[in-house]
Structures are given as structure tokens and as C-alpha cells.
Amino acid sequence: MRDSVTVILATVGTVLGFINTLVLLNTRRVRLRVRPQSAVRARDGVWSDSTRHMTGADAGIEVINLSSFPVTIAEVGYTLPRRRQVTLTAPVVLDGKGFPRRLDPREGVTVYVPVADLPRRIGKAYERTSCGVTRFGKSPALDDLKRRLAEHM
């Protein structure tokens, strides 16, 4: 009887130790959400949609810090064919703050760029942190935008 109790308690301790290790590793990881959007800026705010690209809208990239610590975003842009990237050097940010940009936990920023300023063959949206972590994102709005850009070639 004592041996089976010891085995059960040892197994429970091992499983809990493994779970704690996974949780600890996950909390130290940079977690960012990159979501391309279609956005129409107006006097009273922004109408955005990540499900389709609206006619006459700007392209937008939303970056949200899902980490449990602050992260500094150094650049935002789109990928191009052959492993190249185009960085948005002068994106419109509604609060007027520029880049690099520090995001606290659960904080986000959205950058906007006129579609006419984009190359015709964009890929995924991306962001790069100041420590070199790069995350990519795509959405139905980006797929729609890419299709529209390809039609105008």
C-alpha cells in the first residue's frame, strides 16, 4: 500500500514539475499578434476591417503585445518575393508617436499606409522587435488587398 502511494505522489510531482516548467518558459517568450487590416480614417476615428479590403481604404497593420513584459517594436512592414521586405518608414500613427515604439503588456499600435505607396507584390505583414524577434501575420483583408494590387499591374 505504501509503495503505491509513493509511486502516485512521485508521478503527480513529476507531472506538476513539468507543467510548471512549460508555464515558466511560455511567460518568458515574446508573444505578439500581427494583423493586417483595411482602414478608413475619418475625423472621429478609424473604421477597420480584417475580413476584407474596403474600396478606397488604407492598408493597416495592427501589432498587439501579448507578452507579460514590455516589448519595443522597431519596424513594421510587408514581405516581398525572394525573402525581401519593405519597411514602412513613414507610417501614419494616430497618436503621433513614432518608431521604435514600446508596447506594454496587452497594449497595441496600428500603423496605416496609403495603398498607392505599397509595392504591387506584397506578402505577409511583419513586425520586428528591437531584440530581433520577427513575427508575421496575414488576414482575409490582406489576401483581398494582394488580389486587388495584382489586378492593377
N, C-alpha and C. Protein backbone atom coordinates (compact mmCIF):
# COMPACT_ATOMS: atom_id res chain seq x y z
N MET A 1 0.83 -1.20 0.00
CA MET A 1 0.00 0.00 0.00
C MET A 1 0.87 1.26 0.00
N ARG A 2 1.88 1.30 0.86
CA ARG A 2 2.74 2.47 0.93
C ARG A 2 3.50 2.69 -0.38
N ASP A 3 3.91 1.63 -1.01
CA ASP A 3 4.65 1.76 -2.26
C ASP A 3 3.78 2.37 -3.36
N SER A 4 2.53 1.99 -3.43
CA SER A 4 1.65 2.55 -4.46
C SER A 4 1.36 4.02 -4.20
N VAL A 5 1.22 4.42 -2.94
CA VAL A 5 1.02 5.83 -2.58
C VAL A 5 2.27 6.63 -2.96
N THR A 6 3.43 6.09 -2.69
CA THR A 6 4.68 6.76 -3.04
C THR A 6 4.81 6.94 -4.55
N VAL A 7 4.46 5.92 -5.30
CA VAL A 7 4.53 6.00 -6.76
C VAL A 7 3.54 7.04 -7.29
N ILE A 8 2.35 7.05 -6.74
CA ILE A 8 1.33 8.03 -7.18
C ILE A 8 1.79 9.45 -6.89
N LEU A 9 2.29 9.68 -5.67
CA LEU A 9 2.75 11.03 -5.31
C LEU A 9 3.96 11.45 -6.14
N ALA A 10 4.86 10.53 -6.43
CA ALA A 10 6.02 10.85 -7.27
C ALA A 10 5.58 11.20 -8.68
N THR A 11 4.60 10.47 -9.20
CA THR A 11 4.09 10.75 -10.55
C THR A 11 3.42 12.12 -10.60
N VAL A 12 2.61 12.43 -9.59
CA VAL A 12 1.95 13.74 -9.53
C VAL A 12 3.00 14.85 -9.44
N GLY A 13 4.01 14.68 -8.63
CA GLY A 13 5.07 15.68 -8.51
C GLY A 13 5.82 15.89 -9.82
N THR A 14 6.09 14.80 -10.52
CA THR A 14 6.77 14.91 -11.82
C THR A 14 5.92 15.66 -12.83
N VAL A 15 4.66 15.33 -12.90
CA VAL A 15 3.75 16.00 -13.85
C VAL A 15 3.63 17.48 -13.52
N LEU A 16 3.47 17.82 -12.25
CA LEU A 16 3.36 19.23 -11.86
C LEU A 16 4.65 19.99 -12.14
N GLY A 17 5.79 19.36 -11.91
CA GLY A 17 7.07 19.99 -12.23
C GLY A 17 7.21 20.26 -13.72
N PHE A 18 6.79 19.33 -14.54
CA PHE A 18 6.83 19.51 -16.00
C PHE A 18 5.90 20.64 -16.43
N ILE A 19 4.69 20.69 -15.89
CA ILE A 19 3.74 21.75 -16.23
C ILE A 19 4.29 23.11 -15.80
N ASN A 20 4.85 23.21 -14.62
CA ASN A 20 5.43 24.48 -14.15
C ASN A 20 6.57 24.94 -15.06
N THR A 21 7.39 24.00 -15.53
CA THR A 21 8.47 24.36 -16.45
C THR A 21 7.91 24.92 -17.75
N LEU A 22 6.87 24.29 -18.29
CA LEU A 22 6.26 24.79 -19.53
C LEU A 22 5.65 26.18 -19.34
N VAL A 23 4.98 26.40 -18.22
CA VAL A 23 4.38 27.71 -17.94
C VAL A 23 5.47 28.77 -17.81
N LEU A 24 6.55 28.46 -17.13
CA LEU A 24 7.65 29.41 -16.96
C LEU A 24 8.28 29.76 -18.31
N LEU A 25 8.52 28.76 -19.14
CA LEU A 25 9.09 29.04 -20.47
C LEU A 25 8.14 29.87 -21.32
N ASN A 26 6.85 29.64 -21.22
CA ASN A 26 5.88 30.38 -22.01
C ASN A 26 5.77 31.84 -21.57
N THR A 27 5.94 32.12 -20.28
CA THR A 27 5.83 33.51 -19.81
C THR A 27 7.05 34.34 -20.18
N ARG A 28 8.16 33.71 -20.51
CA ARG A 28 9.38 34.43 -20.89
C ARG A 28 9.51 34.59 -22.40
N ARG A 29 8.53 34.16 -23.14
CA ARG A 29 8.58 34.20 -24.60
C ARG A 29 7.93 35.48 -25.12
N VAL A 30 8.49 36.06 -26.17
CA VAL A 30 7.88 37.23 -26.81
C VAL A 30 6.67 36.75 -27.60
N ARG A 31 5.51 37.31 -27.27
CA ARG A 31 4.27 36.92 -27.94
C ARG A 31 3.62 38.18 -28.51
N LEU A 32 3.52 38.23 -29.81
CA LEU A 32 2.93 39.38 -30.49
C LEU A 32 1.91 38.90 -31.52
N ARG A 33 0.85 39.66 -31.67
CA ARG A 33 -0.13 39.38 -32.72
C ARG A 33 0.01 40.46 -33.79
N VAL A 34 0.21 40.03 -35.03
CA VAL A 34 0.32 40.94 -36.17
C VAL A 34 -0.89 40.68 -37.05
N ARG A 35 -1.73 41.71 -37.23
CA ARG A 35 -2.95 41.52 -38.01
C ARG A 35 -3.09 42.63 -39.05
N PRO A 36 -2.97 42.28 -40.33
CA PRO A 36 -3.21 43.26 -41.39
C PRO A 36 -4.69 43.65 -41.44
N GLN A 37 -4.94 44.90 -41.75
CA GLN A 37 -6.31 45.40 -41.79
C GLN A 37 -6.51 46.32 -42.98
N SER A 38 -7.76 46.59 -43.24
CA SER A 38 -8.17 47.64 -44.16
C SER A 38 -8.76 48.73 -43.28
N ALA A 39 -8.38 49.99 -43.51
CA ALA A 39 -8.82 51.04 -42.60
C ALA A 39 -9.18 52.32 -43.35
N VAL A 40 -10.27 52.91 -42.94
CA VAL A 40 -10.69 54.21 -43.46
C VAL A 40 -10.61 55.18 -42.29
N ARG A 41 -9.73 56.18 -42.43
CA ARG A 41 -9.58 57.18 -41.38
C ARG A 41 -10.62 58.28 -41.58
N ALA A 42 -11.22 58.71 -40.48
CA ALA A 42 -12.21 59.77 -40.51
C ALA A 42 -11.92 60.72 -39.36
N ARG A 43 -12.63 61.83 -39.32
CA ARG A 43 -12.39 62.81 -38.26
C ARG A 43 -12.60 62.22 -36.87
N ASP A 44 -13.61 61.37 -36.72
CA ASP A 44 -13.95 60.87 -35.40
C ASP A 44 -13.32 59.51 -35.09
N GLY A 45 -12.42 59.02 -35.91
CA GLY A 45 -11.77 57.74 -35.62
C GLY A 45 -11.42 56.97 -36.88
N VAL A 46 -11.37 55.67 -36.73
CA VAL A 46 -10.97 54.78 -37.82
C VAL A 46 -11.97 53.64 -37.91
N TRP A 47 -12.40 53.34 -39.12
CA TRP A 47 -13.18 52.14 -39.37
C TRP A 47 -12.22 51.12 -39.95
N SER A 48 -12.08 50.00 -39.27
CA SER A 48 -11.14 48.99 -39.75
C SER A 48 -11.85 47.66 -39.93
N ASP A 49 -11.28 46.84 -40.81
CA ASP A 49 -11.86 45.54 -41.11
C ASP A 49 -10.72 44.60 -41.47
N SER A 50 -10.66 43.46 -40.82
CA SER A 50 -9.62 42.47 -41.15
C SER A 50 -10.17 41.33 -41.99
N THR A 51 -11.46 41.42 -42.37
CA THR A 51 -12.06 40.35 -43.17
C THR A 51 -12.07 40.65 -44.66
N ARG A 52 -11.97 41.92 -45.03
CA ARG A 52 -11.94 42.29 -46.45
C ARG A 52 -11.28 43.65 -46.58
N HIS A 53 -10.80 43.95 -47.80
CA HIS A 53 -10.23 45.27 -48.04
C HIS A 53 -11.31 46.17 -48.61
N MET A 54 -11.59 47.27 -47.93
CA MET A 54 -12.63 48.20 -48.35
C MET A 54 -12.11 49.09 -49.48
N THR A 55 -12.97 49.40 -50.43
CA THR A 55 -12.59 50.26 -51.55
C THR A 55 -12.19 51.63 -51.04
N GLY A 56 -11.05 52.11 -51.50
CA GLY A 56 -10.55 53.43 -51.11
C GLY A 56 -9.91 53.49 -49.74
N ALA A 57 -9.73 52.35 -49.11
CA ALA A 57 -9.18 52.31 -47.76
C ALA A 57 -7.66 52.25 -47.79
N ASP A 58 -7.06 52.62 -46.67
CA ASP A 58 -5.62 52.46 -46.48
C ASP A 58 -5.34 51.05 -45.99
N ALA A 59 -4.09 50.64 -46.11
CA ALA A 59 -3.66 49.38 -45.52
C ALA A 59 -3.21 49.67 -44.10
N GLY A 60 -3.50 48.75 -43.21
CA GLY A 60 -3.11 48.92 -41.82
C GLY A 60 -2.50 47.64 -41.27
N ILE A 61 -1.60 47.80 -40.32
CA ILE A 61 -1.02 46.66 -39.63
C ILE A 61 -1.16 46.92 -38.13
N GLU A 62 -1.88 46.04 -37.46
CA GLU A 62 -2.06 46.14 -36.01
C GLU A 62 -1.09 45.18 -35.33
N VAL A 63 -0.38 45.67 -34.33
CA VAL A 63 0.54 44.85 -33.54
C VAL A 63 0.11 44.94 -32.09
N ILE A 64 -0.15 43.79 -31.46
CA ILE A 64 -0.56 43.74 -30.07
C ILE A 64 0.46 42.91 -29.29
N ASN A 65 0.91 43.44 -28.17
CA ASN A 65 1.86 42.74 -27.31
C ASN A 65 1.08 41.82 -26.38
N LEU A 66 1.18 40.52 -26.60
CA LEU A 66 0.53 39.53 -25.75
C LEU A 66 1.47 38.97 -24.69
N SER A 67 2.69 39.49 -24.64
CA SER A 67 3.67 39.04 -23.66
C SER A 67 3.32 39.60 -22.28
N SER A 68 3.98 39.05 -21.25
CA SER A 68 3.75 39.54 -19.89
C SER A 68 4.76 40.61 -19.50
N PHE A 69 5.49 41.15 -20.48
CA PHE A 69 6.50 42.17 -20.23
C PHE A 69 6.50 43.14 -21.41
N PRO A 70 7.05 44.35 -21.25
CA PRO A 70 7.08 45.32 -22.36
C PRO A 70 7.99 44.85 -23.49
N VAL A 71 7.62 45.22 -24.71
CA VAL A 71 8.39 44.88 -25.91
C VAL A 71 8.51 46.15 -26.75
N THR A 72 9.69 46.36 -27.34
CA THR A 72 9.90 47.52 -28.20
C THR A 72 9.83 47.09 -29.66
N ILE A 73 8.90 47.69 -30.40
CA ILE A 73 8.72 47.40 -31.82
C ILE A 73 9.63 48.35 -32.60
N ALA A 74 10.53 47.80 -33.39
CA ALA A 74 11.49 48.62 -34.13
C ALA A 74 10.99 48.95 -35.53
N GLU A 75 10.32 48.00 -36.19
CA GLU A 75 9.85 48.26 -37.55
C GLU A 75 8.65 47.41 -37.88
N VAL A 76 7.89 47.90 -38.85
CA VAL A 76 6.68 47.23 -39.33
C VAL A 76 6.69 47.33 -40.85
N GLY A 77 6.19 46.30 -41.53
CA GLY A 77 6.16 46.35 -42.98
C GLY A 77 5.54 45.11 -43.59
N TYR A 78 5.90 44.86 -44.85
CA TYR A 78 5.39 43.71 -45.60
C TYR A 78 6.56 42.94 -46.20
N THR A 79 6.36 41.63 -46.33
CA THR A 79 7.36 40.83 -47.02
C THR A 79 7.16 40.98 -48.53
N LEU A 80 8.22 40.71 -49.25
CA LEU A 80 8.21 40.73 -50.71
C LEU A 80 8.73 39.38 -51.21
N PRO A 81 8.59 39.12 -52.50
CA PRO A 81 9.15 37.86 -53.02
C PRO A 81 10.66 37.77 -52.79
N ARG A 82 11.17 36.57 -52.79
CA ARG A 82 12.59 36.26 -52.64
C ARG A 82 13.17 36.73 -51.31
N ARG A 83 12.41 36.53 -50.23
CA ARG A 83 12.88 36.81 -48.86
C ARG A 83 13.28 38.27 -48.63
N ARG A 84 12.67 39.17 -49.34
CA ARG A 84 12.93 40.59 -49.12
C ARG A 84 11.76 41.18 -48.34
N GLN A 85 11.98 42.40 -47.84
CA GLN A 85 10.94 43.08 -47.06
C GLN A 85 10.92 44.55 -47.41
N VAL A 86 9.74 45.15 -47.28
CA VAL A 86 9.61 46.59 -47.41
C VAL A 86 9.15 47.11 -46.05
N THR A 87 9.97 47.98 -45.46
CA THR A 87 9.66 48.56 -44.16
C THR A 87 8.88 49.85 -44.36
N LEU A 88 7.83 50.02 -43.58
CA LEU A 88 7.05 51.25 -43.64
C LEU A 88 7.83 52.31 -42.85
N THR A 89 8.54 53.18 -43.57
CA THR A 89 9.41 54.16 -42.91
C THR A 89 8.65 55.38 -42.41
N ALA A 90 7.52 55.69 -43.01
CA ALA A 90 6.75 56.84 -42.57
C ALA A 90 5.27 56.48 -42.45
N PRO A 91 4.95 55.48 -41.62
CA PRO A 91 3.54 55.12 -41.49
C PRO A 91 2.78 56.17 -40.69
N VAL A 92 1.48 56.23 -40.92
CA VAL A 92 0.63 57.13 -40.15
C VAL A 92 0.22 56.40 -38.87
N VAL A 93 0.48 57.03 -37.75
CA VAL A 93 0.06 56.51 -36.45
C VAL A 93 -0.80 57.60 -35.83
N LEU A 94 -2.01 57.25 -35.43
CA LEU A 94 -2.96 58.27 -34.99
C LEU A 94 -2.53 59.03 -33.75
N ASP A 95 -1.76 58.43 -32.87
CA ASP A 95 -1.35 59.15 -31.66
C ASP A 95 -0.09 59.98 -31.89
N GLY A 96 0.50 59.92 -33.09
CA GLY A 96 1.64 60.75 -33.43
C GLY A 96 2.98 60.27 -32.93
N LYS A 97 3.01 59.20 -32.15
CA LYS A 97 4.28 58.66 -31.67
C LYS A 97 4.92 57.88 -32.81
N GLY A 98 6.24 57.90 -32.87
CA GLY A 98 6.93 57.22 -33.95
C GLY A 98 7.49 55.88 -33.54
N PHE A 99 8.47 55.45 -34.30
CA PHE A 99 9.15 54.18 -34.05
C PHE A 99 10.61 54.45 -33.78
N PRO A 100 11.28 53.67 -32.98
CA PRO A 100 10.82 52.47 -32.28
C PRO A 100 9.76 52.82 -31.24
N ARG A 101 8.95 51.82 -30.94
CA ARG A 101 7.78 52.04 -30.10
C ARG A 101 7.70 50.98 -29.01
N ARG A 102 7.61 51.41 -27.78
CA ARG A 102 7.49 50.47 -26.66
C ARG A 102 6.02 50.16 -26.42
N LEU A 103 5.72 48.85 -26.36
CA LEU A 103 4.37 48.40 -26.07
C LEU A 103 4.37 47.66 -24.73
N ASP A 104 3.58 48.13 -23.81
CA ASP A 104 3.41 47.45 -22.53
C ASP A 104 2.56 46.20 -22.76
N PRO A 105 2.48 45.30 -21.77
CA PRO A 105 1.64 44.11 -21.93
C PRO A 105 0.20 44.48 -22.26
N ARG A 106 -0.36 43.78 -23.23
CA ARG A 106 -1.75 43.96 -23.72
C ARG A 106 -1.98 45.29 -24.41
N GLU A 107 -0.93 46.00 -24.74
CA GLU A 107 -1.03 47.27 -25.47
C GLU A 107 -0.79 47.00 -26.95
N GLY A 108 -1.39 47.81 -27.80
CA GLY A 108 -1.22 47.63 -29.23
C GLY A 108 -1.06 48.95 -29.95
N VAL A 109 -0.63 48.85 -31.19
CA VAL A 109 -0.50 50.02 -32.06
C VAL A 109 -0.91 49.59 -33.46
N THR A 110 -1.53 50.49 -34.19
CA THR A 110 -1.87 50.24 -35.58
C THR A 110 -1.24 51.32 -36.44
N VAL A 111 -0.55 50.90 -37.48
CA VAL A 111 0.05 51.83 -38.43
C VAL A 111 -0.74 51.76 -39.73
N TYR A 112 -0.82 52.88 -40.42
CA TYR A 112 -1.58 52.97 -41.66
C TYR A 112 -0.67 53.49 -42.77
N VAL A 113 -0.92 53.03 -43.98
CA VAL A 113 -0.16 53.48 -45.14
C VAL A 113 -1.12 53.47 -46.34
N PRO A 114 -1.05 54.52 -47.18
CA PRO A 114 -1.89 54.51 -48.38
C PRO A 114 -1.52 53.34 -49.29
N VAL A 115 -2.51 52.73 -49.87
CA VAL A 115 -2.29 51.57 -50.75
C VAL A 115 -1.40 51.97 -51.94
N ALA A 116 -1.52 53.20 -52.40
CA ALA A 116 -0.71 53.65 -53.54
C ALA A 116 0.79 53.65 -53.22
N ASP A 117 1.16 53.69 -51.95
CA ASP A 117 2.56 53.68 -51.56
C ASP A 117 3.15 52.28 -51.43
N LEU A 118 2.33 51.25 -51.61
CA LEU A 118 2.79 49.88 -51.45
C LEU A 118 3.29 49.30 -52.77
N PRO A 119 4.28 48.41 -52.72
CA PRO A 119 4.68 47.68 -53.92
C PRO A 119 3.54 46.77 -54.37
N ARG A 120 3.57 46.34 -55.60
CA ARG A 120 2.47 45.54 -56.16
C ARG A 120 2.48 44.08 -55.74
N ARG A 121 3.60 43.59 -55.22
CA ARG A 121 3.68 42.16 -54.89
C ARG A 121 4.03 41.96 -53.42
N ILE A 122 3.17 42.41 -52.53
CA ILE A 122 3.42 42.23 -51.10
C ILE A 122 3.04 40.82 -50.68
N GLY A 123 3.62 40.40 -49.56
CA GLY A 123 3.29 39.09 -48.99
C GLY A 123 2.60 39.27 -47.66
N LYS A 124 3.19 38.74 -46.62
CA LYS A 124 2.64 38.86 -45.27
C LYS A 124 3.04 40.18 -44.64
N ALA A 125 2.27 40.59 -43.63
CA ALA A 125 2.67 41.72 -42.80
C ALA A 125 3.66 41.21 -41.77
N TYR A 126 4.58 42.06 -41.33
CA TYR A 126 5.54 41.64 -40.31
C TYR A 126 5.84 42.79 -39.37
N GLU A 127 6.40 42.43 -38.24
CA GLU A 127 6.97 43.39 -37.30
C GLU A 127 8.26 42.80 -36.78
N ARG A 128 9.20 43.68 -36.41
CA ARG A 128 10.47 43.24 -35.84
C ARG A 128 10.71 44.03 -34.57
N THR A 129 11.06 43.32 -33.52
CA THR A 129 11.34 43.99 -32.25
C THR A 129 12.79 44.47 -32.24
N SER A 130 13.11 45.30 -31.27
CA SER A 130 14.47 45.81 -31.17
C SER A 130 15.45 44.70 -30.79
N CYS A 131 14.97 43.59 -30.23
CA CYS A 131 15.86 42.47 -29.91
C CYS A 131 15.93 41.45 -31.04
N GLY A 132 15.31 41.75 -32.18
CA GLY A 132 15.45 40.90 -33.36
C GLY A 132 14.39 39.84 -33.56
N VAL A 133 13.36 39.81 -32.73
CA VAL A 133 12.28 38.84 -32.90
C VAL A 133 11.34 39.36 -33.99
N THR A 134 11.06 38.53 -34.97
CA THR A 134 10.17 38.91 -36.07
C THR A 134 8.94 38.02 -36.04
N ARG A 135 7.78 38.63 -36.17
CA ARG A 135 6.51 37.90 -36.23
C ARG A 135 5.79 38.33 -37.50
N PHE A 136 5.04 37.39 -38.08
CA PHE A 136 4.32 37.64 -39.32
C PHE A 136 2.83 37.48 -39.08
N GLY A 137 2.05 38.10 -39.95
CA GLY A 137 0.61 37.98 -39.86
C GLY A 137 -0.05 38.10 -41.21
N LYS A 138 -1.19 37.46 -41.33
CA LYS A 138 -1.99 37.59 -42.55
C LYS A 138 -3.45 37.56 -42.16
N SER A 139 -4.30 37.99 -43.09
CA SER A 139 -5.73 38.06 -42.83
C SER A 139 -6.46 38.05 -44.16
N PRO A 140 -7.76 37.82 -44.15
CA PRO A 140 -8.53 37.91 -45.39
C PRO A 140 -8.46 39.30 -46.03
N ALA A 141 -8.33 40.34 -45.22
CA ALA A 141 -8.20 41.70 -45.77
C ALA A 141 -6.91 41.83 -46.57
N LEU A 142 -5.82 41.23 -46.09
CA LEU A 142 -4.56 41.27 -46.81
C LEU A 142 -4.65 40.46 -48.10
N ASP A 143 -5.29 39.29 -48.05
CA ASP A 143 -5.46 38.49 -49.27
C ASP A 143 -6.25 39.28 -50.32
N ASP A 144 -7.29 39.97 -49.88
CA ASP A 144 -8.10 40.79 -50.79
C ASP A 144 -7.27 41.94 -51.36
N LEU A 145 -6.46 42.58 -50.52
CA LEU A 145 -5.60 43.68 -50.99
C LEU A 145 -4.58 43.17 -52.00
N LYS A 146 -3.97 42.03 -51.75
CA LYS A 146 -2.99 41.47 -52.69
C LYS A 146 -3.63 41.17 -54.04
N ARG A 147 -4.84 40.66 -54.01
CA ARG A 147 -5.56 40.38 -55.26
C ARG A 147 -5.85 41.67 -56.03
N ARG A 148 -6.25 42.70 -55.32
CA ARG A 148 -6.53 43.99 -55.98
C ARG A 148 -5.25 44.62 -56.54
N LEU A 149 -4.15 44.51 -55.79
CA LEU A 149 -2.88 45.05 -56.30
C LEU A 149 -2.41 44.29 -57.55
N ALA A 150 -2.63 42.99 -57.58
CA ALA A 150 -2.21 42.20 -58.74
C ALA A 150 -3.07 42.53 -59.96
N GLU A 151 -4.34 42.87 -59.76
CA GLU A 151 -5.22 43.23 -60.89
C GLU A 151 -4.80 44.55 -61.53
N HIS A 152 -4.16 45.42 -60.77
CA HIS A 152 -3.79 46.74 -61.29
C HIS A 152 -2.39 46.77 -61.87
N MET A 153 -1.78 45.61 -62.03
CA MET A 153 -0.42 45.57 -62.59
C MET A 153 -0.44 45.79 -64.09
